[in-house]
Amino acid sequence: MVEYTPVIIFLAIFVAVPLQFLLSPSSSDVRYHLHNISVLFSGSLEPRDPRPPYVKYRVGDVVRHKIHGYRGVIIGWDEKAIAPQSWLEKTHKGRKEWSEMPNYSVIIDTRDRLIPQLAYVVEENIELGEGRVFHPLIKNYFEAFDGKHYSSRPWHKKVYPND
């Protein structure tokens, strides 16, 4: 029997969720979307330097979602939402100003979501949290935790040098 590690399962979910929006019948240029998927949801590996002063939270910050209550840790951010328009319309539910605000990729604590998940959240919906976050991908992004903040691995620090 084939055994799948949590990392493989998470990566499959991480790719499948955005693809369900990108490959919907309303999508006319699948090749364009597949080519650009790596830059969506704060996935670009281009260094975020300089860091805009209005981006409130930093990579490694432990946060809590104000509405849904889940805990997580920030692994990336975009100055403005970078996601397919159809995804923004479904998740932002008419709040167009959210697309112009910083949006964050957050690894969700597996104590709050049994299946390892990642969220892309507008700044307005999160606040600083505390405590360790449990998720199989933590070790891929971070090398230490001081009780309030995770320290990025060297490759991740190159993308977010001022966080």
N, C-alpha and C. Protein backbone atom coordinates (compact mmCIF):
# COMPACT_ATOMS: atom_id res chain seq x y z
N MET A 1 0.84 -1.18 0.00
CA MET A 1 0.00 0.00 0.00
C MET A 1 0.88 1.24 0.00
N VAL A 2 0.53 2.22 -0.79
CA VAL A 2 1.28 3.46 -0.88
C VAL A 2 0.92 4.35 0.30
N GLU A 3 1.95 4.91 0.94
CA GLU A 3 1.73 5.80 2.07
C GLU A 3 2.06 7.22 1.65
N TYR A 4 1.16 8.15 1.91
CA TYR A 4 1.37 9.55 1.56
C TYR A 4 1.69 10.34 2.82
N THR A 5 2.76 11.11 2.75
CA THR A 5 3.13 11.94 3.89
C THR A 5 2.22 13.16 3.95
N PRO A 6 2.13 13.79 5.12
CA PRO A 6 1.31 15.00 5.22
C PRO A 6 1.75 16.10 4.26
N VAL A 7 3.05 16.17 3.97
CA VAL A 7 3.55 17.21 3.06
C VAL A 7 2.99 16.99 1.66
N ILE A 8 2.99 15.74 1.20
CA ILE A 8 2.46 15.44 -0.14
C ILE A 8 0.96 15.75 -0.19
N ILE A 9 0.25 15.37 0.86
CA ILE A 9 -1.18 15.65 0.91
C ILE A 9 -1.44 17.15 0.88
N PHE A 10 -0.67 17.90 1.69
CA PHE A 10 -0.85 19.36 1.72
C PHE A 10 -0.56 19.98 0.36
N LEU A 11 0.55 19.55 -0.27
CA LEU A 11 0.89 20.12 -1.58
C LEU A 11 -0.20 19.83 -2.60
N ALA A 12 -0.78 18.65 -2.54
CA ALA A 12 -1.88 18.32 -3.45
C ALA A 12 -3.07 19.24 -3.21
N ILE A 13 -3.38 19.49 -1.94
CA ILE A 13 -4.49 20.40 -1.61
C ILE A 13 -4.14 21.82 -2.04
N PHE A 14 -2.89 22.22 -1.78
CA PHE A 14 -2.44 23.57 -2.11
C PHE A 14 -2.58 23.86 -3.61
N VAL A 15 -2.34 22.84 -4.43
CA VAL A 15 -2.47 23.01 -5.88
C VAL A 15 -3.92 22.85 -6.31
N ALA A 16 -4.63 21.90 -5.72
CA ALA A 16 -6.00 21.59 -6.16
C ALA A 16 -6.98 22.72 -5.88
N VAL A 17 -6.86 23.36 -4.72
CA VAL A 17 -7.83 24.41 -4.38
C VAL A 17 -7.77 25.57 -5.36
N PRO A 18 -6.60 26.17 -5.60
CA PRO A 18 -6.59 27.25 -6.60
C PRO A 18 -6.97 26.77 -8.00
N LEU A 19 -6.59 25.53 -8.34
CA LEU A 19 -6.92 25.03 -9.68
C LEU A 19 -8.42 24.89 -9.90
N GLN A 20 -9.17 24.60 -8.85
CA GLN A 20 -10.62 24.47 -9.05
C GLN A 20 -11.22 25.79 -9.52
N PHE A 21 -10.62 26.91 -9.13
CA PHE A 21 -11.09 28.21 -9.60
C PHE A 21 -10.52 28.53 -10.97
N LEU A 22 -9.25 28.19 -11.16
CA LEU A 22 -8.59 28.52 -12.42
C LEU A 22 -9.11 27.69 -13.59
N LEU A 23 -9.51 26.47 -13.32
CA LEU A 23 -9.94 25.58 -14.39
C LEU A 23 -11.46 25.49 -14.52
N SER A 24 -12.15 26.42 -13.92
CA SER A 24 -13.61 26.44 -14.02
C SER A 24 -14.01 26.73 -15.46
N PRO A 25 -15.25 26.39 -15.86
CA PRO A 25 -15.68 26.63 -17.23
C PRO A 25 -15.57 28.09 -17.67
N SER A 26 -15.58 29.02 -16.73
CA SER A 26 -15.49 30.43 -17.11
C SER A 26 -14.06 30.83 -17.48
N SER A 27 -13.08 29.98 -17.18
CA SER A 27 -11.70 30.30 -17.52
C SER A 27 -11.46 30.01 -18.99
N SER A 28 -11.01 31.02 -19.71
CA SER A 28 -10.83 30.85 -21.15
C SER A 28 -9.39 30.54 -21.54
N ASP A 29 -8.45 30.90 -20.71
CA ASP A 29 -7.06 30.70 -21.09
C ASP A 29 -6.33 29.92 -20.00
N VAL A 30 -6.52 28.60 -20.01
CA VAL A 30 -5.94 27.74 -18.98
C VAL A 30 -4.42 27.83 -18.98
N ARG A 31 -3.81 27.85 -20.14
CA ARG A 31 -2.35 27.92 -20.21
C ARG A 31 -1.83 29.17 -19.51
N TYR A 32 -2.48 30.29 -19.70
CA TYR A 32 -2.08 31.54 -19.04
C TYR A 32 -2.14 31.38 -17.52
N HIS A 33 -3.25 30.82 -17.02
CA HIS A 33 -3.42 30.65 -15.58
C HIS A 33 -2.39 29.68 -15.01
N LEU A 34 -2.15 28.56 -15.69
CA LEU A 34 -1.18 27.60 -15.18
C LEU A 34 0.22 28.19 -15.16
N HIS A 35 0.55 28.99 -16.15
CA HIS A 35 1.86 29.63 -16.19
C HIS A 35 2.02 30.61 -15.02
N ASN A 36 0.96 31.29 -14.66
CA ASN A 36 1.03 32.33 -13.63
C ASN A 36 0.65 31.87 -12.23
N ILE A 37 0.33 30.59 -12.04
CA ILE A 37 -0.12 30.13 -10.72
C ILE A 37 0.95 30.32 -9.66
N SER A 38 2.22 30.26 -10.04
CA SER A 38 3.29 30.38 -9.05
C SER A 38 3.37 31.76 -8.42
N VAL A 39 2.80 32.78 -9.03
CA VAL A 39 2.86 34.12 -8.46
C VAL A 39 1.59 34.47 -7.68
N LEU A 40 0.58 33.63 -7.75
CA LEU A 40 -0.67 33.90 -7.05
C LEU A 40 -0.55 33.60 -5.56
N PHE A 41 -1.42 34.19 -4.78
CA PHE A 41 -1.52 33.89 -3.35
C PHE A 41 -0.18 34.03 -2.63
N SER A 42 0.55 35.09 -2.91
CA SER A 42 1.88 35.40 -2.35
C SER A 42 2.89 34.29 -2.59
N GLY A 43 2.76 33.60 -3.72
CA GLY A 43 3.66 32.50 -4.03
C GLY A 43 4.90 32.89 -4.80
N SER A 44 5.00 34.13 -5.22
CA SER A 44 6.17 34.56 -5.98
C SER A 44 7.43 34.50 -5.12
N LEU A 45 8.53 34.10 -5.73
CA LEU A 45 9.81 34.06 -5.02
C LEU A 45 10.64 35.32 -5.24
N GLU A 46 10.03 36.33 -5.87
CA GLU A 46 10.72 37.62 -6.03
C GLU A 46 10.84 38.27 -4.66
N PRO A 47 12.04 38.78 -4.32
CA PRO A 47 12.21 39.41 -3.01
C PRO A 47 11.25 40.58 -2.79
N ARG A 48 10.67 40.64 -1.61
CA ARG A 48 9.76 41.73 -1.22
C ARG A 48 10.61 42.80 -0.52
N ASP A 49 11.29 43.58 -1.34
CA ASP A 49 12.21 44.58 -0.81
C ASP A 49 12.17 45.80 -1.70
N PRO A 50 11.88 46.97 -1.19
CA PRO A 50 11.68 47.27 0.23
C PRO A 50 10.30 46.81 0.70
N ARG A 51 10.17 46.69 2.01
CA ARG A 51 8.91 46.30 2.62
C ARG A 51 8.04 47.54 2.81
N PRO A 52 6.83 47.56 2.22
CA PRO A 52 5.97 48.74 2.37
C PRO A 52 5.59 48.96 3.84
N PRO A 53 5.58 50.19 4.30
CA PRO A 53 5.27 50.45 5.72
C PRO A 53 3.83 50.12 6.10
N TYR A 54 2.93 50.04 5.13
CA TYR A 54 1.52 49.76 5.44
C TYR A 54 1.21 48.27 5.53
N VAL A 55 2.19 47.40 5.26
CA VAL A 55 1.99 45.96 5.46
C VAL A 55 2.22 45.71 6.95
N LYS A 56 1.13 45.47 7.67
CA LYS A 56 1.15 45.45 9.13
C LYS A 56 1.85 44.23 9.72
N TYR A 57 1.60 43.05 9.18
CA TYR A 57 2.12 41.82 9.76
C TYR A 57 3.34 41.33 8.99
N ARG A 58 4.13 40.49 9.66
CA ARG A 58 5.37 39.99 9.09
C ARG A 58 5.33 38.47 8.93
N VAL A 59 6.14 37.98 8.01
CA VAL A 59 6.29 36.55 7.87
C VAL A 59 6.81 36.01 9.20
N GLY A 60 6.19 34.93 9.67
CA GLY A 60 6.56 34.34 10.95
C GLY A 60 5.66 34.75 12.09
N ASP A 61 4.83 35.77 11.88
CA ASP A 61 3.89 36.18 12.94
C ASP A 61 2.81 35.13 13.12
N VAL A 62 2.50 34.84 14.37
CA VAL A 62 1.38 33.96 14.70
C VAL A 62 0.14 34.85 14.72
N VAL A 63 -0.90 34.41 14.01
CA VAL A 63 -2.12 35.22 13.90
C VAL A 63 -3.36 34.37 14.20
N ARG A 64 -4.46 35.08 14.38
CA ARG A 64 -5.77 34.45 14.57
C ARG A 64 -6.75 35.13 13.63
N HIS A 65 -7.57 34.34 12.96
CA HIS A 65 -8.59 34.89 12.07
C HIS A 65 -9.72 35.45 12.93
N LYS A 66 -10.07 36.71 12.71
CA LYS A 66 -11.07 37.39 13.55
C LYS A 66 -12.47 36.80 13.40
N ILE A 67 -12.79 36.28 12.23
CA ILE A 67 -14.15 35.76 11.99
C ILE A 67 -14.23 34.26 12.25
N HIS A 68 -13.31 33.50 11.65
CA HIS A 68 -13.36 32.04 11.73
C HIS A 68 -12.63 31.48 12.95
N GLY A 69 -11.80 32.28 13.58
CA GLY A 69 -11.16 31.88 14.83
C GLY A 69 -9.96 30.95 14.73
N TYR A 70 -9.60 30.52 13.53
CA TYR A 70 -8.46 29.61 13.45
C TYR A 70 -7.14 30.35 13.70
N ARG A 71 -6.16 29.58 14.18
CA ARG A 71 -4.82 30.09 14.41
C ARG A 71 -3.95 29.73 13.22
N GLY A 72 -2.89 30.49 13.02
CA GLY A 72 -1.98 30.19 11.93
C GLY A 72 -0.71 31.00 12.03
N VAL A 73 0.15 30.78 11.06
CA VAL A 73 1.40 31.55 10.97
C VAL A 73 1.53 32.05 9.54
N ILE A 74 1.95 33.30 9.40
CA ILE A 74 2.09 33.93 8.08
C ILE A 74 3.33 33.39 7.39
N ILE A 75 3.16 32.93 6.14
CA ILE A 75 4.30 32.46 5.35
C ILE A 75 4.57 33.37 4.16
N GLY A 76 3.69 34.34 3.91
CA GLY A 76 3.90 35.25 2.79
C GLY A 76 2.86 36.34 2.78
N TRP A 77 3.12 37.40 2.01
CA TRP A 77 2.17 38.50 1.88
C TRP A 77 2.31 39.15 0.52
N ASP A 78 1.25 39.80 0.11
CA ASP A 78 1.22 40.62 -1.09
C ASP A 78 0.72 42.00 -0.69
N GLU A 79 1.29 43.04 -1.30
CA GLU A 79 0.86 44.41 -1.01
C GLU A 79 -0.62 44.59 -1.32
N LYS A 80 -1.06 43.96 -2.41
CA LYS A 80 -2.46 43.91 -2.82
C LYS A 80 -2.74 42.46 -3.18
N ALA A 81 -3.99 42.07 -3.12
CA ALA A 81 -4.34 40.68 -3.43
C ALA A 81 -3.89 40.31 -4.83
N ILE A 82 -3.22 39.18 -4.94
CA ILE A 82 -2.84 38.63 -6.24
C ILE A 82 -3.47 37.24 -6.32
N ALA A 83 -4.63 37.22 -6.94
CA ALA A 83 -5.42 35.99 -7.06
C ALA A 83 -6.34 36.15 -8.26
N PRO A 84 -6.84 35.04 -8.79
CA PRO A 84 -7.78 35.14 -9.91
C PRO A 84 -9.00 35.97 -9.52
N GLN A 85 -9.50 36.73 -10.46
CA GLN A 85 -10.66 37.60 -10.21
C GLN A 85 -11.85 36.80 -9.69
N SER A 86 -12.06 35.62 -10.25
CA SER A 86 -13.20 34.79 -9.81
C SER A 86 -13.04 34.38 -8.35
N TRP A 87 -11.81 34.09 -7.93
CA TRP A 87 -11.56 33.73 -6.53
C TRP A 87 -11.82 34.93 -5.62
N LEU A 88 -11.34 36.10 -6.03
CA LEU A 88 -11.55 37.31 -5.23
C LEU A 88 -13.03 37.62 -5.07
N GLU A 89 -13.79 37.47 -6.15
CA GLU A 89 -15.23 37.74 -6.08
C GLU A 89 -15.94 36.79 -5.12
N LYS A 90 -15.52 35.52 -5.13
CA LYS A 90 -16.16 34.53 -4.25
C LYS A 90 -15.77 34.72 -2.79
N THR A 91 -14.52 35.03 -2.54
CA THR A 91 -14.07 35.10 -1.14
C THR A 91 -14.22 36.48 -0.53
N HIS A 92 -14.08 37.52 -1.30
CA HIS A 92 -14.21 38.88 -0.77
C HIS A 92 -15.65 39.37 -0.76
N LYS A 93 -16.54 38.65 -1.42
CA LYS A 93 -17.99 38.88 -1.36
C LYS A 93 -18.38 40.35 -1.48
N GLY A 94 -17.92 40.98 -2.55
CA GLY A 94 -18.32 42.35 -2.81
C GLY A 94 -17.48 43.41 -2.11
N ARG A 95 -16.54 43.01 -1.31
CA ARG A 95 -15.67 43.97 -0.61
C ARG A 95 -14.46 44.27 -1.50
N LYS A 96 -14.65 45.05 -2.54
CA LYS A 96 -13.60 45.33 -3.52
C LYS A 96 -12.37 45.97 -2.89
N GLU A 97 -12.57 46.73 -1.82
CA GLU A 97 -11.43 47.39 -1.16
C GLU A 97 -10.45 46.37 -0.58
N TRP A 98 -10.91 45.14 -0.28
CA TRP A 98 -10.02 44.11 0.25
C TRP A 98 -8.95 43.73 -0.77
N SER A 99 -9.25 43.85 -2.04
CA SER A 99 -8.27 43.53 -3.07
C SER A 99 -7.12 44.53 -3.11
N GLU A 100 -7.36 45.71 -2.58
CA GLU A 100 -6.34 46.76 -2.56
C GLU A 100 -5.55 46.79 -1.26
N MET A 101 -5.91 45.94 -0.31
CA MET A 101 -5.22 45.86 0.98
C MET A 101 -4.19 44.74 0.95
N PRO A 102 -3.24 44.74 1.89
CA PRO A 102 -2.33 43.59 2.00
C PRO A 102 -3.12 42.31 2.27
N ASN A 103 -2.69 41.24 1.62
CA ASN A 103 -3.27 39.92 1.82
C ASN A 103 -2.13 38.98 2.19
N TYR A 104 -2.42 38.01 3.05
CA TYR A 104 -1.40 37.15 3.64
C TYR A 104 -1.69 35.67 3.39
N SER A 105 -0.64 34.91 3.10
CA SER A 105 -0.75 33.45 3.06
C SER A 105 -0.48 32.96 4.47
N VAL A 106 -1.40 32.16 4.99
CA VAL A 106 -1.33 31.70 6.37
C VAL A 106 -1.44 30.18 6.39
N ILE A 107 -0.49 29.53 7.07
CA ILE A 107 -0.59 28.10 7.34
C ILE A 107 -1.52 27.96 8.54
N ILE A 108 -2.59 27.19 8.38
CA ILE A 108 -3.60 27.04 9.44
C ILE A 108 -3.22 25.89 10.38
N ASP A 109 -3.30 26.16 11.67
CA ASP A 109 -3.00 25.18 12.71
C ASP A 109 -3.89 23.95 12.52
N THR A 110 -3.28 22.77 12.52
CA THR A 110 -4.04 21.54 12.31
C THR A 110 -4.93 21.18 13.50
N ARG A 111 -4.78 21.88 14.60
CA ARG A 111 -5.73 21.69 15.71
C ARG A 111 -7.06 22.37 15.40
N ASP A 112 -7.02 23.33 14.47
CA ASP A 112 -8.24 24.04 14.07
C ASP A 112 -8.84 23.51 12.78
N ARG A 113 -8.04 22.91 11.94
CA ARG A 113 -8.48 22.28 10.69
C ARG A 113 -7.75 20.94 10.60
N LEU A 114 -8.47 19.85 10.64
CA LEU A 114 -7.83 18.53 10.70
C LEU A 114 -6.98 18.23 9.49
N ILE A 115 -7.42 18.66 8.32
CA ILE A 115 -6.63 18.47 7.10
C ILE A 115 -5.74 19.70 6.97
N PRO A 116 -4.43 19.51 6.80
CA PRO A 116 -3.53 20.67 6.68
C PRO A 116 -4.00 21.61 5.57
N GLN A 117 -4.14 22.89 5.93
CA GLN A 117 -4.65 23.88 4.98
C GLN A 117 -3.83 25.15 5.00
N LEU A 118 -4.00 25.90 3.93
CA LEU A 118 -3.39 27.21 3.78
C LEU A 118 -4.52 28.17 3.43
N ALA A 119 -4.46 29.39 3.96
CA ALA A 119 -5.47 30.40 3.64
C ALA A 119 -4.79 31.64 3.07
N TYR A 120 -5.54 32.39 2.30
CA TYR A 120 -5.08 33.68 1.77
C TYR A 120 -6.07 34.69 2.33
N VAL A 121 -5.60 35.52 3.27
CA VAL A 121 -6.49 36.32 4.10
C VAL A 121 -6.16 37.81 4.01
N VAL A 122 -7.20 38.62 3.90
CA VAL A 122 -7.03 40.07 3.89
C VAL A 122 -6.61 40.53 5.29
N GLU A 123 -5.78 41.56 5.33
CA GLU A 123 -5.24 42.06 6.60
C GLU A 123 -6.32 42.38 7.63
N GLU A 124 -7.43 42.91 7.17
CA GLU A 124 -8.52 43.32 8.06
C GLU A 124 -9.08 42.16 8.88
N ASN A 125 -8.92 40.93 8.40
CA ASN A 125 -9.52 39.77 9.05
C ASN A 125 -8.60 39.00 9.97
N ILE A 126 -7.38 39.49 10.20
CA ILE A 126 -6.48 38.79 11.12
C ILE A 126 -5.97 39.74 12.20
N GLU A 127 -5.53 39.12 13.30
CA GLU A 127 -4.91 39.86 14.39
C GLU A 127 -3.79 38.99 14.95
N LEU A 128 -2.85 39.62 15.66
CA LEU A 128 -1.76 38.85 16.25
C LEU A 128 -2.31 37.82 17.22
N GLY A 129 -1.70 36.65 17.19
CA GLY A 129 -2.07 35.58 18.10
C GLY A 129 -0.86 35.19 18.93
N GLU A 130 -0.94 34.04 19.53
CA GLU A 130 0.20 33.58 20.32
C GLU A 130 0.21 32.07 20.36
N GLY A 131 1.34 31.53 20.72
CA GLY A 131 1.49 30.09 20.86
C GLY A 131 1.98 29.42 19.59
N ARG A 132 2.45 28.22 19.77
CA ARG A 132 2.98 27.42 18.67
C ARG A 132 1.85 26.99 17.74
N VAL A 133 2.15 26.96 16.46
CA VAL A 133 1.21 26.49 15.43
C VAL A 133 1.68 25.12 14.98
N PHE A 134 0.75 24.19 14.85
CA PHE A 134 1.08 22.84 14.41
C PHE A 134 0.62 22.66 12.96
N HIS A 135 1.57 22.29 12.12
CA HIS A 135 1.30 22.06 10.70
C HIS A 135 2.52 21.36 10.12
N PRO A 136 2.32 20.38 9.24
CA PRO A 136 3.47 19.64 8.71
C PRO A 136 4.46 20.48 7.89
N LEU A 137 4.05 21.64 7.39
CA LEU A 137 4.96 22.45 6.57
C LEU A 137 5.74 23.50 7.36
N ILE A 138 5.50 23.63 8.64
CA ILE A 138 6.21 24.64 9.44
C ILE A 138 7.71 24.51 9.25
N LYS A 139 8.22 23.30 9.33
CA LYS A 139 9.68 23.09 9.25
C LYS A 139 10.25 23.46 7.88
N ASN A 140 9.42 23.51 6.85
CA ASN A 140 9.90 23.89 5.52
C ASN A 140 10.15 25.39 5.42
N TYR A 141 9.41 26.18 6.17
CA TYR A 141 9.51 27.64 6.11
C TYR A 141 10.30 28.25 7.26
N PHE A 142 10.26 27.59 8.42
CA PHE A 142 10.84 28.20 9.63
C PHE A 142 11.79 27.25 10.33
N GLU A 143 12.79 27.85 11.01
CA GLU A 143 13.77 27.03 11.71
C GLU A 143 13.71 27.18 13.23
N ALA A 144 13.01 28.18 13.74
CA ALA A 144 12.93 28.38 15.19
C ALA A 144 11.65 29.12 15.55
N PHE A 145 11.26 28.98 16.82
CA PHE A 145 10.09 29.67 17.36
C PHE A 145 10.45 30.20 18.73
N ASP A 146 10.21 31.51 18.97
CA ASP A 146 10.61 32.12 20.24
C ASP A 146 9.44 32.32 21.21
N GLY A 147 8.30 31.72 20.90
CA GLY A 147 7.13 31.87 21.75
C GLY A 147 6.08 32.80 21.16
N LYS A 148 6.50 33.69 20.25
CA LYS A 148 5.57 34.62 19.60
C LYS A 148 5.79 34.70 18.10
N HIS A 149 6.99 34.37 17.65
CA HIS A 149 7.34 34.59 16.25
C HIS A 149 8.23 33.44 15.75
N TYR A 150 7.98 33.04 14.51
CA TYR A 150 8.81 32.02 13.87
C TYR A 150 9.92 32.71 13.07
N SER A 151 11.11 32.13 13.08
CA SER A 151 12.25 32.65 12.31
C SER A 151 12.35 31.89 10.99
N SER A 152 12.40 32.64 9.90
CA SER A 152 12.42 32.04 8.56
C SER A 152 13.72 31.29 8.28
N ARG A 153 13.60 30.27 7.45
CA ARG A 153 14.78 29.57 6.93
C ARG A 153 15.48 30.52 5.96
N PRO A 154 16.76 30.29 5.69
CA PRO A 154 17.51 31.21 4.81
C PRO A 154 16.86 31.46 3.45
N TRP A 155 16.34 30.42 2.80
CA TRP A 155 15.72 30.61 1.47
C TRP A 155 14.50 31.53 1.57
N HIS A 156 13.75 31.40 2.66
CA HIS A 156 12.54 32.19 2.86
C HIS A 156 12.89 33.63 3.24
N LYS A 157 13.97 33.79 3.98
CA LYS A 157 14.44 35.12 4.38
C LYS A 157 14.87 35.93 3.15
N LYS A 158 15.34 35.24 2.11
CA LYS A 158 15.73 35.94 0.87
C LYS A 158 14.51 36.55 0.17
N VAL A 159 13.37 35.93 0.31
CA VAL A 159 12.15 36.44 -0.31
C VAL A 159 11.56 37.59 0.52
N TYR A 160 11.66 37.47 1.83
CA TYR A 160 11.13 38.49 2.76
C TYR A 160 12.26 38.97 3.66
N PRO A 161 13.24 39.71 3.10
CA PRO A 161 14.44 40.08 3.87
C PRO A 161 14.18 41.04 5.03
N ASN A 162 13.09 41.76 5.01
CA ASN A 162 12.83 42.76 6.06
C ASN A 162 11.76 42.33 7.06
N ASP A 163 11.40 41.06 7.03
CA ASP A 163 10.39 40.54 7.97
C ASP A 163 11.08 39.82 9.12
